[in-house]
PDB file of N, CA and C in Angstrom:
ATOM      1  N   MET A   1     -55.778 -66.470 -15.038  1.00  0.00           N
ATOM      2  CA  MET A   1     -54.236 -66.326 -14.778  1.00  0.00           C
ATOM      3  C   MET A   1     -53.581 -65.773 -15.939  1.00  0.00           C
ATOM      4  N   ARG A   2     -53.624 -65.943 -16.874  1.00  0.00           N
ATOM      5  CA  ARG A   2     -52.822 -65.836 -18.221  1.00  0.00           C
ATOM      6  C   ARG A   2     -53.459 -64.613 -18.885  1.00  0.00           C
ATOM      7  N   ASN A   3     -54.689 -64.274 -18.727  1.00  0.00           N
ATOM      8  CA  ASN A   3     -55.612 -62.991 -18.761  1.00  0.00           C
ATOM      9  C   ASN A   3     -54.667 -61.565 -18.110  1.00  0.00           C
ATOM     10  N   LEU A   4     -55.090 -62.201 -17.044  1.00  0.00           N
ATOM     11  CA  LEU A   4     -54.517 -61.253 -16.112  1.00  0.00           C
ATOM     12  C   LEU A   4     -52.857 -60.492 -16.515  1.00  0.00           C
ATOM     13  N   LEU A   5     -51.764 -61.750 -16.988  1.00  0.00           N
ATOM     14  CA  LEU A   5     -50.902 -61.480 -17.401  1.00  0.00           C
ATOM     15  C   LEU A   5     -50.833 -60.650 -18.399  1.00  0.00           C
ATOM     16  N   ALA A   6     -51.300 -61.653 -19.481  1.00  0.00           N
ATOM     17  CA  ALA A   6     -51.598 -60.224 -20.745  1.00  0.00           C
ATOM     18  C   ALA A   6     -52.012 -58.652 -20.436  1.00  0.00           C
ATOM     19  N   ILE A   7     -53.038 -58.526 -19.246  1.00  0.00           N
ATOM     20  CA  ILE A   7     -53.225 -56.798 -19.158  1.00  0.00           C
ATOM     21  C   ILE A   7     -51.890 -56.481 -18.678  1.00  0.00           C
ATOM     22  N   LEU A   8     -51.851 -57.140 -17.714  1.00  0.00           N
ATOM     23  CA  LEU A   8     -49.832 -56.320 -16.684  1.00  0.00           C
ATOM     24  C   LEU A   8     -49.314 -56.222 -17.849  1.00  0.00           C
ATOM     25  N   ILE A   9     -48.804 -57.144 -18.839  1.00  0.00           N
ATOM     26  CA  ILE A   9     -47.647 -56.548 -19.792  1.00  0.00           C
ATOM     27  C   ILE A   9     -47.871 -55.290 -20.900  1.00  0.00           C
ATOM     28  N   LEU A  10     -49.521 -55.589 -21.435  1.00  0.00           N
ATOM     29  CA  LEU A  10     -49.897 -54.593 -21.938  1.00  0.00           C
ATOM     30  C   LEU A  10     -50.113 -52.696 -21.478  1.00  0.00           C
ATOM     31  N   ALA A  11     -50.874 -52.942 -19.936  1.00  0.00           N
ATOM     32  CA  ALA A  11     -50.864 -51.333 -19.061  1.00  0.00           C
ATOM     33  C   ALA A  11     -49.377 -51.528 -19.293  1.00  0.00           C
ATOM     34  N   SER A  12     -48.358 -51.679 -18.641  1.00  0.00           N
ATOM     35  CA  SER A  12     -46.780 -52.009 -18.487  1.00  0.00           C
ATOM     36  C   SER A  12     -46.245 -51.166 -19.964  1.00  0.00           C
ATOM     37  N   ALA A  13     -46.398 -51.005 -20.920  1.00  0.00           N
ATOM     38  CA  ALA A  13     -46.582 -50.909 -22.129  1.00  0.00           C
ATOM     39  C   ALA A  13     -47.090 -48.794 -22.385  1.00  0.00           C
ATOM     40  N   LEU A  14     -47.502 -48.796 -21.784  1.00  0.00           N
ATOM     41  CA  LEU A  14     -49.040 -47.768 -21.687  1.00  0.00           C
ATOM     42  C   LEU A  14     -48.334 -47.079 -21.364  1.00  0.00           C
ATOM     43  N   SER A  15     -47.998 -45.228 -21.708  1.00  0.00           N
ATOM     44  CA  SER A  15     -47.840 -44.377 -21.420  1.00  0.00           C
ATOM     45  C   SER A  15     -49.002 -43.969 -19.968  1.00  0.00           C
ATOM     46  N   SER A  16     -48.325 -42.900 -19.212  1.00  0.00           N
ATOM     47  CA  SER A  16     -48.855 -42.580 -18.349  1.00  0.00           C
ATOM     48  C   SER A  16     -50.150 -42.348 -18.286  1.00  0.00           C
ATOM     49  N   CYS A  17     -50.796 -41.834 -19.414  1.00  0.00           N
ATOM     50  CA  CYS A  17     -52.084 -40.593 -19.747  1.00  0.00           C
ATOM     51  C   CYS A  17     -53.063 -41.728 -20.372  1.00  0.00           C
ATOM     52  N   GLU A  18     -51.895 -42.706 -20.676  1.00  0.00           N
ATOM     53  CA  GLU A  18     -53.023 -43.781 -21.805  1.00  0.00           C
ATOM     54  C   GLU A  18     -53.982 -44.622 -20.781  1.00  0.00           C
ATOM     55  N   THR A  19     -55.088 -45.087 -21.385  1.00  0.00           N
ATOM     56  CA  THR A  19     -55.828 -45.993 -20.665  1.00  0.00           C
ATOM     57  C   THR A  19     -56.396 -47.562 -21.203  1.00  0.00           C
ATOM     58  N   LEU A  20     -56.301 -48.390 -20.799  1.00  0.00           N
ATOM     59  CA  LEU A  20     -57.091 -49.313 -21.120  1.00  0.00           C
ATOM     60  C   LEU A  20     -57.964 -50.031 -20.518  1.00  0.00           C
ATOM     61  N   THR A  21     -59.493 -50.681 -21.944  1.00  0.00           N
ATOM     62  CA  THR A  21     -60.699 -51.186 -21.687  1.00  0.00           C
ATOM     63  C   THR A  21     -60.096 -52.218 -21.444  1.00  0.00           C
ATOM     64  N   LEU A  22     -61.080 -52.677 -19.870  1.00  0.00           N
ATOM     65  CA  LEU A  22     -61.271 -53.531 -19.322  1.00  0.00           C
ATOM     66  C   LEU A  22     -62.784 -54.100 -19.154  1.00  0.00           C
ATOM     67  N   PRO A  23     -63.289 -55.015 -18.894  1.00  0.00           N
ATOM     68  CA  PRO A  23     -64.686 -55.441 -18.732  1.00  0.00           C
ATOM     69  C   PRO A  23     -64.819 -55.128 -17.411  1.00  0.00           C
ATOM     70  N   GLY A  24     -65.855 -54.689 -16.944  1.00  0.00           N
ATOM     71  CA  GLY A  24     -65.997 -53.835 -15.555  1.00  0.00           C
ATOM     72  C   GLY A  24     -67.493 -54.896 -14.950  1.00  0.00           C
ATOM     73  N   ALA A  25     -68.024 -54.508 -14.291  1.00  0.00           N
ATOM     74  CA  ALA A  25     -69.259 -55.603 -14.072  1.00  0.00           C
ATOM     75  C   ALA A  25     -70.114 -55.537 -15.068  1.00  0.00           C
ATOM     76  N   GLN A  26     -70.483 -56.664 -15.482  1.00  0.00           N
ATOM     77  CA  GLN A  26     -71.527 -57.327 -15.935  1.00  0.00           C
ATOM     78  C   GLN A  26     -71.420 -56.975 -17.546  1.00  0.00           C
ATOM     79  N   GLY A  27     -69.777 -56.817 -17.197  1.00  0.00           N
ATOM     80  CA  GLY A  27     -69.173 -56.787 -18.913  1.00  0.00           C
ATOM     81  C   GLY A  27     -69.306 -55.863 -19.477  1.00  0.00           C
ATOM     82  N   GLU A  28     -69.815 -54.034 -18.319  1.00  0.00           N
ATOM     83  CA  GLU A  28     -69.497 -52.705 -19.259  1.00  0.00           C
ATOM     84  C   GLU A  28     -68.255 -52.924 -19.347  1.00  0.00           C
ATOM     85  N   PRO A  29     -68.036 -51.665 -19.939  1.00  0.00           N
ATOM     86  CA  PRO A  29     -66.674 -51.339 -20.164  1.00  0.00           C
ATOM     87  C   PRO A  29     -66.329 -50.189 -19.069  1.00  0.00           C
ATOM     88  N   ARG A  30     -65.148 -50.530 -18.166  1.00  0.00           N
ATOM     89  CA  ARG A  30     -64.709 -49.946 -17.051  1.00  0.00           C
ATOM     90  C   ARG A  30     -63.811 -48.373 -17.133  1.00  0.00           C
ATOM     91  N   ALA A  31     -62.550 -49.108 -17.701  1.00  0.00           N
ATOM     92  CA  ALA A  31     -62.112 -47.599 -18.237  1.00  0.00           C
ATOM     93  C   ALA A  31     -62.010 -47.150 -19.164  1.00  0.00           C
ATOM     94  N   LYS A  32     -62.080 -45.640 -19.361  1.00  0.00           N
ATOM     95  CA  LYS A  32     -62.378 -44.597 -20.153  1.00  0.00           C
ATOM     96  C   LYS A  32     -61.196 -43.643 -20.815  1.00  0.00           C
ATOM     97  N   THR A  33     -61.556 -43.823 -21.854  1.00  0.00           N
ATOM     98  CA  THR A  33     -60.373 -42.638 -23.189  1.00  0.00           C
ATOM     99  C   THR A  33     -60.649 -41.448 -22.383  1.00  0.00           C
ATOM    100  N   VAL A  34     -59.342 -40.827 -22.053  1.00  0.00           N
ATOM    101  CA  VAL A  34     -59.136 -39.307 -21.629  1.00  0.00           C
ATOM    102  C   VAL A  34     -59.957 -38.135 -22.228  1.00  0.00           C
ATOM    103  N   LEU A  35     -61.377 -38.128 -22.170  1.00  0.00           N
ATOM    104  CA  LEU A  35     -61.991 -36.861 -22.254  1.00  0.00           C
ATOM    105  C   LEU A  35     -61.697 -35.494 -21.929  1.00  0.00           C
ATOM    106  N   THR A  36     -61.778 -34.572 -23.153  1.00  0.00           N
ATOM    107  CA  THR A  36     -61.426 -32.650 -23.083  1.00  0.00           C
ATOM    108  C   THR A  36     -63.218 -32.773 -22.279  1.00  0.00           C
ATOM    109  N   GLU A  37     -63.107 -31.876 -21.610  1.00  0.00           N
ATOM    110  CA  GLU A  37     -64.618 -30.823 -21.535  1.00  0.00           C
ATOM    111  C   GLU A  37     -65.417 -31.161 -22.640  1.00  0.00           C
ATOM    112  N   GLU A  38     -65.475 -30.729 -23.551  1.00  0.00           N
ATOM    113  CA  GLU A  38     -66.831 -30.504 -24.894  1.00  0.00           C
ATOM    114  C   GLU A  38     -66.726 -31.898 -24.914  1.00  0.00           C
ATOM    115  N   GLN A  39     -65.483 -33.101 -24.980  1.00  0.00           N
ATOM    116  CA  GLN A  39     -65.904 -33.915 -25.438  1.00  0.00           C
ATOM    117  C   GLN A  39     -67.505 -35.033 -24.094  1.00  0.00           C
ATOM    118  N   ALA A  40     -66.759 -34.861 -23.412  1.00  0.00           N
ATOM    119  CA  ALA A  40     -67.418 -35.336 -22.142  1.00  0.00           C
ATOM    120  C   ALA A  40     -69.603 -34.364 -22.455  1.00  0.00           C
ATOM    121  N   ALA A  41     -69.184 -33.474 -22.239  1.00  0.00           N
ATOM    122  CA  ALA A  41     -70.477 -32.590 -22.704  1.00  0.00           C
ATOM    123  C   ALA A  41     -70.990 -33.653 -23.629  1.00  0.00           C
ATOM    124  N   ARG A  42     -70.471 -33.454 -24.357  1.00  0.00           N
ATOM    125  CA  ARG A  42     -71.199 -33.984 -25.972  1.00  0.00           C
ATOM    126  C   ARG A  42     -71.531 -35.399 -26.095  1.00  0.00           C
ATOM    127  N   LYS A  43     -70.563 -36.444 -25.509  1.00  0.00           N
ATOM    128  CA  LYS A  43     -71.322 -37.777 -24.958  1.00  0.00           C
ATOM    129  C   LYS A  43     -72.494 -38.076 -24.091  1.00  0.00           C
ATOM    130  N   PHE A  44     -72.712 -36.805 -23.302  1.00  0.00           N
ATOM    131  CA  PHE A  44     -73.786 -36.849 -22.049  1.00  0.00           C
ATOM    132  C   PHE A  44     -74.757 -36.525 -22.965  1.00  0.00           C
ATOM    133  N   PHE A  45     -74.438 -35.319 -24.080  1.00  0.00           N
ATOM    134  CA  PHE A  45     -76.049 -34.819 -24.489  1.00  0.00           C
ATOM    135  C   PHE A  45     -75.984 -36.023 -25.063  1.00  0.00           C
ATOM    136  N   GLU A  46     -76.230 -36.332 -26.193  1.00  0.00           N
ATOM    137  CA  GLU A  46     -75.943 -37.469 -27.032  1.00  0.00           C
ATOM    138  C   GLU A  46     -76.656 -38.919 -26.334  1.00  0.00           C
ATOM    139  N   ALA A  47     -75.863 -39.469 -24.973  1.00  0.00           N
ATOM    140  CA  ALA A  47     -76.820 -40.674 -24.460  1.00  0.00           C
ATOM    141  C   ALA A  47     -78.055 -39.597 -23.994  1.00  0.00           C
ATOM    142  N   TYR A  48     -77.907 -37.948 -23.158  1.00  0.00           N
ATOM    143  CA  TYR A  48     -79.515 -38.002 -22.603  1.00  0.00           C
ATOM    144  C   TYR A  48     -80.550 -37.926 -23.766  1.00  0.00           C
ATOM    145  N   LYS A  49     -79.555 -37.337 -24.789  1.00  0.00           N
ATOM    146  CA  LYS A  49     -81.254 -36.640 -26.413  1.00  0.00           C
ATOM    147  C   LYS A  49     -81.467 -38.309 -26.798  1.00  0.00           C
ATOM    148  N   ASN A  50     -81.025 -39.550 -26.285  1.00  0.00           N
ATOM    149  CA  ASN A  50     -81.408 -40.852 -26.894  1.00  0.00           C
ATOM    150  C   ASN A  50     -81.983 -42.127 -25.553  1.00  0.00           C
ATOM    151  N   HIS A  51     -81.880 -41.165 -24.475  1.00  0.00           N
ATOM    152  CA  HIS A  51     -82.335 -41.659 -23.801  1.00  0.00           C
ATOM    153  C   HIS A  51     -81.269 -43.115 -22.788  1.00  0.00           C
ATOM    154  N   ASN A  52     -80.134 -42.847 -22.968  1.00  0.00           N
ATOM    155  CA  ASN A  52     -79.219 -43.969 -23.422  1.00  0.00           C
ATOM    156  C   ASN A  52     -78.863 -43.608 -21.910  1.00  0.00           C
ATOM    157  N   ARG A  53     -79.098 -44.609 -20.910  1.00  0.00           N
ATOM    158  CA  ARG A  53     -78.257 -44.429 -19.096  1.00  0.00           C
ATOM    159  C   ARG A  53     -77.130 -45.167 -19.358  1.00  0.00           C
ATOM    160  N   LEU A  54     -77.300 -46.397 -20.177  1.00  0.00           N
ATOM    161  CA  LEU A  54     -75.536 -46.746 -20.076  1.00  0.00           C
ATOM    162  C   LEU A  54     -74.760 -46.078 -20.264  1.00  0.00           C
ATOM    163  N   ALA A  55     -74.570 -45.158 -21.762  1.00  0.00           N
ATOM    164  CA  ALA A  55     -73.761 -44.465 -22.343  1.00  0.00           C
ATOM    165  C   ALA A  55     -73.427 -43.138 -21.293  1.00  0.00           C
ATOM    166  N   ALA A  56     -74.526 -42.637 -20.629  1.00  0.00           N
ATOM    167  CA  ALA A  56     -74.183 -41.635 -20.102  1.00  0.00           C
ATOM    168  C   ALA A  56     -73.462 -42.058 -18.648  1.00  0.00           C
ATOM    169  N   SER A  57     -73.305 -42.838 -18.539  1.00  0.00           N
ATOM    170  CA  SER A  57     -72.504 -43.641 -17.364  1.00  0.00           C
ATOM    171  C   SER A  57     -71.949 -43.742 -17.381  1.00  0.00           C
ATOM    172  N   GLN A  58     -70.707 -44.063 -18.679  1.00  0.00           N
ATOM    173  CA  GLN A  58     -70.271 -43.509 -19.553  1.00  0.00           C
ATOM    174  C   GLN A  58     -68.864 -42.406 -19.068  1.00  0.00           C
ATOM    175  N   VAL A  59     -69.824 -41.712 -19.522  1.00  0.00           N
ATOM    176  CA  VAL A  59     -68.811 -40.548 -19.588  1.00  0.00           C
ATOM    177  C   VAL A  59     -69.382 -39.381 -17.492  1.00  0.00           C
ATOM    178  N   ALA A  60     -70.216 -39.966 -16.894  1.00  0.00           N
ATOM    179  CA  ALA A  60     -70.915 -39.494 -15.766  1.00  0.00           C
ATOM    180  C   ALA A  60     -70.783 -40.260 -14.474  1.00  0.00           C
ATOM    181  N   SER A  61     -71.199 -39.391 -13.141  1.00  0.00           N
ATOM    182  CA  SER A  61     -71.089 -40.287 -11.887  1.00  0.00           C
ATOM    183  C   SER A  61     -72.684 -40.315 -12.064  1.00  0.00           C
ATOM    184  N   ALA A  62     -72.935 -41.654 -11.191  1.00  0.00           N
ATOM    185  CA  ALA A  62     -74.179 -42.313 -10.704  1.00  0.00           C
ATOM    186  C   ALA A  62     -74.811 -41.078 -10.417  1.00  0.00           C
ATOM    187  N   GLU A  63     -74.297 -40.159  -9.382  1.00  0.00           N
ATOM    188  CA  GLU A  63     -75.295 -39.122  -8.899  1.00  0.00           C
ATOM    189  C   GLU A  63     -76.036 -38.203 -10.291  1.00  0.00           C
ATOM    190  N   ALA A  64     -75.045 -38.096 -10.838  1.00  0.00           N
ATOM    191  CA  ALA A  64     -75.354 -37.046 -12.033  1.00  0.00           C
ATOM    192  C   ALA A  64     -76.486 -37.891 -13.083  1.00  0.00           C
ATOM    193  N   VAL A  65     -75.881 -39.195 -13.174  1.00  0.00           N
ATOM    194  CA  VAL A  65     -77.284 -39.865 -14.121  1.00  0.00           C
ATOM    195  C   VAL A  65     -78.404 -40.294 -13.437  1.00  0.00           C
ATOM    196  N   GLY A  66     -78.324 -40.371 -12.100  1.00  0.00           N
ATOM    197  CA  GLY A  66     -79.746 -40.674 -11.214  1.00  0.00           C
ATOM    198  C   GLY A  66     -80.480 -39.236 -11.064  1.00  0.00           C
ATOM    199  N   LYS A  67     -79.647 -38.525 -11.034  1.00  0.00           N
ATOM    200  CA  LYS A  67     -80.873 -37.140 -11.265  1.00  0.00           C
ATOM    201  C   LYS A  67     -81.403 -37.025 -12.487  1.00  0.00           C
ATOM    202  N   LEU A  68     -81.629 -36.919 -13.367  1.00  0.00           N
ATOM    203  CA  LEU A  68     -82.395 -37.411 -14.532  1.00  0.00           C
ATOM    204  C   LEU A  68     -83.504 -38.180 -15.074  1.00  0.00           C
ATOM    205  N   ASN A  69     -84.508 -38.191 -15.735  1.00  0.00           N
ATOM    206  CA  ASN A  69     -84.989 -38.643 -16.446  1.00  0.00           C
ATOM    207  C   ASN A  69     -84.883 -39.144 -17.483  1.00  0.00           C
ATOM    208  N   TRP A  70     -84.734 -40.787 -17.843  1.00  0.00           N
ATOM    209  CA  TRP A  70     -84.487 -41.147 -18.803  1.00  0.00           C
ATOM    210  C   TRP A  70     -84.960 -42.406 -19.816  1.00  0.00           C
ATOM    211  N   ASN A  71     -86.234 -42.298 -18.967  1.00  0.00           N
ATOM    212  CA  ASN A  71     -87.596 -42.661 -19.556  1.00  0.00           C
ATOM    213  C   ASN A  71     -87.844 -42.223 -21.110  1.00  0.00           C
ATOM    214  N   PRO A  72     -88.198 -43.002 -21.630  1.00  0.00           N
ATOM    215  CA  PRO A  72     -88.134 -42.598 -23.482  1.00  0.00           C
ATOM    216  C   PRO A  72     -89.817 -42.463 -23.435  1.00  0.00           C
ATOM    217  N   LEU A  73     -90.651 -42.914 -22.715  1.00  0.00           N
ATOM    218  CA  LEU A  73     -91.466 -42.810 -22.812  1.00  0.00           C
ATOM    219  C   LEU A  73     -92.451 -41.295 -22.984  1.00  0.00           C
ATOM    220  N   SER A  74     -91.000 -40.584 -21.919  1.00  0.00           N
ATOM    221  CA  SER A  74     -91.638 -39.713 -21.246  1.00  0.00           C
ATOM    222  C   SER A  74     -91.663 -38.178 -22.474  1.00  0.00           C
ATOM    223  N   GLY A  75     -91.220 -38.564 -23.682  1.00  0.00           N
ATOM    224  CA  GLY A  75     -91.297 -38.116 -24.691  1.00  0.00           C
ATOM    225  C   GLY A  75     -89.360 -37.394 -24.657  1.00  0.00           C
ATOM    226  N   SER A  76     -89.537 -36.396 -25.533  1.00  0.00           N
ATOM    227  CA  SER A  76     -87.998 -35.487 -25.357  1.00  0.00           C
ATOM    228  C   SER A  76     -88.320 -33.905 -26.143  1.00  0.00           C
ATOM    229  N   ALA A  77     -87.866 -33.072 -25.893  1.00  0.00           N
ATOM    230  CA  ALA A  77     -87.738 -31.576 -26.347  1.00  0.00           C
ATOM    231  C   ALA A  77     -87.569 -31.522 -27.503  1.00  0.00           C
ATOM    232  N   SER A  78     -88.049 -30.751 -28.464  1.00  0.00           N
ATOM    233  CA  SER A  78     -87.754 -31.056 -30.348  1.00  0.00           C
ATOM    234  C   SER A  78     -87.001 -30.045 -29.879  1.00  0.00           C
ATOM    235  N   ASN A  79     -86.378 -29.249 -28.907  1.00  0.00           N
ATOM    236  CA  ASN A  79     -85.622 -28.317 -29.245  1.00  0.00           C
ATOM    237  C   ASN A  79     -84.766 -28.109 -28.516  1.00  0.00           C
ATOM    238  N   LEU A  80     -83.890 -29.400 -28.226  1.00  0.00           N
ATOM    239  CA  LEU A  80     -83.169 -29.961 -27.028  1.00  0.00           C
ATOM    240  C   LEU A  80     -81.591 -30.231 -27.690  1.00  0.00           C
ATOM    241  N   GLN A  81     -80.818 -29.590 -27.402  1.00  0.00           N
ATOM    242  CA  GLN A  81     -79.311 -28.881 -27.536  1.00  0.00           C
ATOM    243  C   GLN A  81     -78.696 -28.609 -26.575  1.00  0.00           C
ATOM    244  N   LEU A  82     -77.215 -28.518 -27.181  1.00  0.00           N
ATOM    245  CA  LEU A  82     -76.300 -28.315 -26.415  1.00  0.00           C
ATOM    246  C   LEU A  82     -75.475 -27.047 -26.600  1.00  0.00           C
ATOM    247  N   GLN A  83     -75.690 -25.835 -25.669  1.00  0.00           N
ATOM    248  CA  GLN A  83     -74.822 -25.147 -25.456  1.00  0.00           C
ATOM    249  C   GLN A  83     -73.564 -24.515 -24.723  1.00  0.00           C
ATOM    250  N   GLU A  84     -72.747 -24.418 -25.272  1.00  0.00           N
ATOM    251  CA  GLU A  84     -72.039 -24.027 -24.197  1.00  0.00           C
ATOM    252  C   GLU A  84     -72.224 -22.310 -23.647  1.00  0.00           C
ATOM    253  N   THR A  85     -72.054 -22.341 -22.214  1.00  0.00           N
ATOM    254  CA  THR A  85     -72.035 -21.353 -21.882  1.00  0.00           C
ATOM    255  C   THR A  85     -71.205 -20.161 -20.722  1.00  0.00           C
ATOM    256  N   GLY A  86     -71.382 -19.021 -20.134  1.00  0.00           N
ATOM    257  CA  GLY A  86     -70.299 -19.131 -19.206  1.00  0.00           C
ATOM    258  C   GLY A  86     -69.882 -19.544 -18.070  1.00  0.00           C
ATOM    259  N   GLU A  87     -70.635 -20.381 -18.020  1.00  0.00           N
ATOM    260  CA  GLU A  87     -70.174 -21.493 -16.498  1.00  0.00           C
ATOM    261  C   GLU A  87     -69.827 -22.518 -17.228  1.00  0.00           C
ATOM    262  N   GLY A  88     -69.992 -22.900 -18.301  1.00  0.00           N
ATOM    263  CA  GLY A  88     -70.179 -24.375 -19.071  1.00  0.00           C
ATOM    264  C   GLY A  88     -70.701 -25.192 -20.171  1.00  0.00           C
ATOM    265  N   TYR A  89     -71.117 -26.021 -19.731  1.00  0.00           N
ATOM    266  CA  TYR A  89     -71.502 -26.667 -20.902  1.00  0.00           C
ATOM    267  C   TYR A  89     -73.485 -26.919 -20.244  1.00  0.00           C
ATOM    268  N   ALA A  90     -74.625 -26.872 -21.374  1.00  0.00           N
ATOM    269  CA  ALA A  90     -76.044 -26.656 -20.815  1.00  0.00           C
ATOM    270  C   ALA A  90     -76.276 -27.442 -21.467  1.00  0.00           C
ATOM    271  N   ILE A  91     -77.660 -28.481 -21.404  1.00  0.00           N
ATOM    272  CA  ILE A  91     -78.140 -29.186 -22.469  1.00  0.00           C
ATOM    273  C   ILE A  91     -79.832 -28.097 -22.332  1.00  0.00           C
ATOM    274  N   THR A  92     -80.379 -27.284 -23.204  1.00  0.00           N
ATOM    275  CA  THR A  92     -81.152 -26.599 -22.904  1.00  0.00           C
ATOM    276  C   THR A  92     -82.598 -27.026 -23.658  1.00  0.00           C
ATOM    277  N   TYR A  93     -83.969 -26.328 -23.438  1.00  0.00           N
ATOM    278  CA  TYR A  93     -84.929 -26.544 -24.012  1.00  0.00           C
ATOM    279  C   TYR A  93     -85.898 -25.947 -23.972  1.00  0.00           C
ATOM    280  N   ASP A  94     -87.413 -25.832 -24.296  1.00  0.00           N
ATOM    281  CA  ASP A  94     -88.129 -25.232 -23.841  1.00  0.00           C
ATOM    282  C   ASP A  94     -88.292 -25.116 -22.591  1.00  0.00           C
ATOM    283  N   GLY A  95     -88.234 -24.257 -22.007  1.00  0.00           N
ATOM    284  CA  GLY A  95     -89.012 -23.751 -20.196  1.00  0.00           C
ATOM    285  C   GLY A  95     -87.777 -24.601 -19.463  1.00  0.00           C
ATOM    286  N   GLY A  96     -86.212 -24.205 -20.329  1.00  0.00           N
ATOM    287  CA  GLY A  96     -85.933 -25.011 -19.130  1.00  0.00           C
ATOM    288  C   GLY A  96     -84.029 -25.275 -19.975  1.00  0.00           C
ATOM    289  N   ALA A  97     -83.484 -26.166 -18.697  1.00  0.00           N
ATOM    290  CA  ALA A  97     -81.597 -25.872 -18.881  1.00  0.00           C
ATOM    291  C   ALA A  97     -81.427 -27.286 -17.656  1.00  0.00           C
ATOM    292  N   ILE A  98     -80.460 -28.014 -18.118  1.00  0.00           N
ATOM    293  CA  ILE A  98     -79.500 -29.001 -17.701  1.00  0.00           C
ATOM    294  C   ILE A  98     -78.415 -28.178 -17.613  1.00  0.00           C
ATOM    295  N   HIS A  99     -77.724 -27.706 -16.276  1.00  0.00           N
ATOM    296  CA  HIS A  99     -76.147 -27.443 -16.399  1.00  0.00           C
ATOM    297  C   HIS A  99     -75.499 -28.689 -16.128  1.00  0.00           C
ATOM    298  N   LEU A 100     -74.498 -28.814 -16.303  1.00  0.00           N
ATOM    299  CA  LEU A 100     -73.657 -30.141 -16.610  1.00  0.00           C
ATOM    300  C   LEU A 100     -72.553 -29.622 -15.747  1.00  0.00           C
ATOM    301  N   VAL A 101     -71.863 -29.953 -14.451  1.00  0.00           N
ATOM    302  CA  VAL A 101     -71.188 -29.417 -14.240  1.00  0.00           C
ATOM    303  C   VAL A 101     -69.808 -31.156 -14.025  1.00  0.00           C
ATOM    304  N   ILE A 102     -68.789 -30.298 -14.945  1.00  0.00           N
ATOM    305  CA  ILE A 102     -67.908 -31.736 -15.876  1.00  0.00           C
ATOM    306  C   ILE A 102     -66.095 -30.849 -14.600  1.00  0.00           C
ATOM    307  N   LEU A 103     -66.239 -32.062 -14.499  1.00  0.00           N
ATOM    308  CA  LEU A 103     -64.631 -31.815 -13.953  1.00  0.00           C
ATOM    309  C   LEU A 103     -63.901 -32.658 -14.419  1.00  0.00           C
ATOM    310  N   GLY A 104     -62.253 -32.794 -14.230  1.00  0.00           N
ATOM    311  CA  GLY A 104     -61.245 -33.468 -14.524  1.00  0.00           C
ATOM    312  C   GLY A 104     -59.913 -32.518 -14.958  1.00  0.00           C
ATOM    313  N   ASP A 105     -59.118 -33.413 -15.772  1.00  0.00           N
ATOM    314  CA  ASP A 105     -57.931 -32.206 -15.913  1.00  0.00           C
ATOM    315  C   ASP A 105     -57.206 -33.101 -17.077  1.00  0.00           C
ATOM    316  N   GLY A 106     -56.312 -32.801 -17.914  1.00  0.00           N
ATOM    317  CA  GLY A 106     -55.802 -33.536 -19.111  1.00  0.00           C
ATOM    318  C   GLY A 106     -55.475 -34.538 -18.550  1.00  0.00           C
ATOM    319  N   HIS A 107     -54.684 -34.826 -17.643  1.00  0.00           N
ATOM    320  CA  HIS A 107     -54.173 -36.433 -17.372  1.00  0.00           C
ATOM    321  C   HIS A 107     -55.415 -37.639 -17.507  1.00  0.00           C
ATOM    322  N   VAL A 108     -56.403 -37.221 -16.450  1.00  0.00           N
ATOM    323  CA  VAL A 108     -57.511 -38.006 -16.312  1.00  0.00           C
ATOM    324  C   VAL A 108     -58.621 -38.381 -17.258  1.00  0.00           C
ATOM    325  N   GLY A 109     -59.002 -37.196 -17.328  1.00  0.00           N
ATOM    326  CA  GLY A 109     -60.038 -36.178 -18.486  1.00  0.00           C
ATOM    327  C   GLY A 109     -60.764 -36.272 -17.558  1.00  0.00           C
ATOM    328  N   HIS A 110     -62.252 -35.659 -17.969  1.00  0.00           N
ATOM    329  CA  HIS A 110     -63.348 -34.658 -17.547  1.00  0.00           C
ATOM    330  C   HIS A 110     -64.370 -35.729 -17.554  1.00  0.00           C
ATOM    331  N   ASN A 111     -65.734 -35.958 -16.563  1.00  0.00           N
ATOM    332  CA  ASN A 111     -66.482 -36.297 -16.741  1.00  0.00           C
ATOM    333  C   ASN A 111     -67.382 -35.558 -15.548  1.00  0.00           C
ATOM    334  N   VAL A 112     -68.626 -35.815 -16.577  1.00  0.00           N
ATOM    335  CA  VAL A 112     -70.259 -35.003 -15.912  1.00  0.00           C
ATOM    336  C   VAL A 112     -70.128 -35.482 -14.477  1.00  0.00           C
ATOM    337  N   ALA A 113     -70.051 -34.585 -13.163  1.00  0.00           N
ATOM    338  CA  ALA A 113     -70.275 -34.910 -11.876  1.00  0.00           C
ATOM    339  C   ALA A 113     -71.021 -34.146 -11.439  1.00  0.00           C
ATOM    340  N   ASP A 114     -71.709 -34.136 -11.756  1.00  0.00           N
ATOM    341  CA  ASP A 114     -73.337 -33.319 -11.390  1.00  0.00           C
ATOM    342  C   ASP A 114     -73.891 -32.968 -12.266  1.00  0.00           C
ATOM    343  N   VAL A 115     -75.500 -32.656 -12.144  1.00  0.00           N
ATOM    344  CA  VAL A 115     -76.098 -31.634 -13.489  1.00  0.00           C
ATOM    345  C   VAL A 115     -76.826 -31.032 -11.997  1.00  0.00           C
ATOM    346  N   ARG A 116     -77.469 -30.110 -12.715  1.00  0.00           N
ATOM    347  CA  ARG A 116     -78.380 -29.025 -11.951  1.00  0.00           C
ATOM    348  C   ARG A 116     -79.472 -28.479 -12.711  1.00  0.00           C
ATOM    349  N   VAL A 117     -80.603 -28.627 -12.671  1.00  0.00           N
ATOM    350  CA  VAL A 117     -81.799 -28.240 -13.721  1.00  0.00           C
ATOM    351  C   VAL A 117     -82.379 -27.172 -13.031  1.00  0.00           C
ATOM    352  N   THR A 118     -82.578 -26.490 -14.317  1.00  0.00           N
ATOM    353  CA  THR A 118     -83.452 -24.889 -13.742  1.00  0.00           C
ATOM    354  C   THR A 118     -84.539 -24.876 -15.029  1.00  0.00           C
ATOM    355  N   ALA A 119     -85.439 -24.059 -14.572  1.00  0.00           N
ATOM    356  CA  ALA A 119     -86.777 -24.178 -15.344  1.00  0.00           C
ATOM    357  C   ALA A 119     -87.167 -22.479 -15.168  1.00  0.00           C
ATOM    358  N   ASP A 120     -88.052 -22.360 -16.497  1.00  0.00           N
ATOM    359  CA  ASP A 120     -87.843 -20.874 -16.442  1.00  0.00           C
ATOM    360  C   ASP A 120     -89.455 -20.416 -16.573  1.00  0.00           C
TER     361      ASP A 120
END
């Protein structure tokens, strides 16, 4: 009860666009900082490149994370890179791309809502 009271007092001191990080299920952080579209894309890219599903889930929907292979034993393209395209951001590699569908605004921040995989 004391922790809840401290959280409520701290939350009331935050401006409307700030976020408070609280533990989520199984100790995972629940609230996120307000990210720009580019920051969300970069964080997702780094998580994907490192096969880190948990880190990706901090900046992406469960649907987006669930569409990709996160198994480090499956290997990784040596030329994996994040590129800004006319339609947003994409993780590109030899033979294809993962197009990031990023949604959000300056108040609640951006996250990767979905991904679309294309192959050459």
